[in-house]
């Protein structure tokens, strides 16, 4: 996906569990239902925590990838 494929971004680089998911929990409400939030993290635990967050709260994890030691996620906000 490109920069045009998301509506907002959350940069949690340098933060460790549980901060990235706590910030995501707050930030997801800033985007409209159907919009996409990009999350960038450096904490490897996000590879487990962010998919679980999406599954538990019913948001759609569109992509998850590691790029140069950073973890990038695209999450579509769903009704919750």
Protein backbone atom coordinates (compact mmCIF):
# COMPACT_ATOMS: atom_id res chain seq x y z
CA UNK A 1 0.00 0.00 0.00
CA UNK A 2 1.09 3.56 -0.57
CA UNK A 3 0.65 6.74 1.44
CA UNK A 4 -2.57 7.33 -0.46
CA UNK A 5 -3.99 4.08 0.87
CA UNK A 6 -4.37 5.16 4.50
CA UNK A 7 -6.16 8.03 6.19
CA UNK A 8 -4.15 8.45 9.41
CA UNK A 9 -0.94 7.24 10.99
CA UNK A 10 0.22 6.23 14.46
CA UNK A 11 3.98 6.17 15.05
CA UNK A 12 4.89 4.06 18.10
CA UNK A 13 8.57 3.59 17.27
CA UNK A 14 10.69 3.31 20.40
CA UNK A 15 7.75 2.33 22.62
CA UNK A 16 7.31 -1.07 24.25
CA UNK A 17 4.40 -3.23 25.32
CA UNK A 18 1.78 -2.27 26.34
CA UNK A 19 2.15 1.31 25.04
CA UNK A 20 1.73 0.68 21.27
CA UNK A 21 -1.57 -1.15 21.72
CA UNK A 22 -2.81 1.34 24.31
CA UNK A 23 -2.09 4.17 21.87
CA UNK A 24 -3.75 2.22 19.06
CA UNK A 25 -6.85 1.72 21.21
CA UNK A 26 -7.17 5.50 21.57
CA UNK A 27 -6.12 6.44 18.01
CA UNK A 28 -8.48 4.05 16.20
CA UNK A 29 -11.39 6.25 17.37
CA UNK A 30 -9.89 9.23 15.50
CA UNK A 31 -10.56 7.61 12.12
CA UNK A 32 -13.99 7.08 10.65
CA UNK A 33 -15.51 3.63 10.22
CA UNK A 34 -14.14 2.24 6.94
CA UNK A 35 -11.00 4.38 6.99
CA UNK A 36 -7.49 2.95 7.31
CA UNK A 37 -4.95 3.66 10.06
CA UNK A 38 -1.27 2.92 9.48
CA UNK A 39 0.72 1.90 12.56
CA UNK A 40 4.52 1.87 12.65
CA UNK A 41 6.22 0.11 15.56
CA UNK A 42 9.63 -1.20 16.59
CA UNK A 43 8.43 -3.53 19.38
CA UNK A 44 8.35 -7.14 18.10
CA UNK A 45 5.51 -7.95 20.50
CA UNK A 46 3.22 -5.91 18.26
CA UNK A 47 3.34 -8.78 15.75
CA UNK A 48 1.27 -10.71 18.29
CA UNK A 49 -0.59 -7.90 20.04
CA UNK A 50 -1.92 -5.88 17.09
CA UNK A 51 -3.53 -8.85 15.27
CA UNK A 52 -5.15 -9.88 18.58
CA UNK A 53 -6.35 -6.31 19.14
CA UNK A 54 -7.98 -6.31 15.70
CA UNK A 55 -9.56 -9.72 16.18
CA UNK A 56 -10.86 -8.91 19.65
CA UNK A 57 -12.34 -5.52 18.71
CA UNK A 58 -13.49 -6.48 15.21
CA UNK A 59 -11.20 -4.27 13.13
CA UNK A 60 -9.73 -5.52 9.85
CA UNK A 61 -5.97 -6.06 9.70
CA UNK A 62 -5.28 -5.35 6.01
CA UNK A 63 -1.53 -5.88 6.08
CA UNK A 64 1.31 -6.62 8.44
CA UNK A 65 4.94 -6.48 7.34
CA UNK A 66 8.43 -5.97 8.67
CA UNK A 67 10.55 -3.38 6.88
CA UNK A 68 14.11 -2.66 8.03
CA UNK A 69 13.43 -3.64 11.65
CA UNK A 70 10.12 -1.78 11.80
CA UNK A 71 6.67 -3.30 11.82
CA UNK A 72 4.03 -1.73 9.60
CA UNK A 73 0.32 -2.40 9.93
CA UNK A 74 -2.69 -1.19 8.00
CA UNK A 75 -5.91 -1.46 9.99
CA UNK A 76 -9.39 -0.69 8.69
CA UNK A 77 -11.69 0.59 11.40
CA UNK A 78 -14.90 -1.37 11.61
CA UNK A 79 -18.00 -0.76 13.71
CA UNK A 80 -17.17 -1.39 17.35
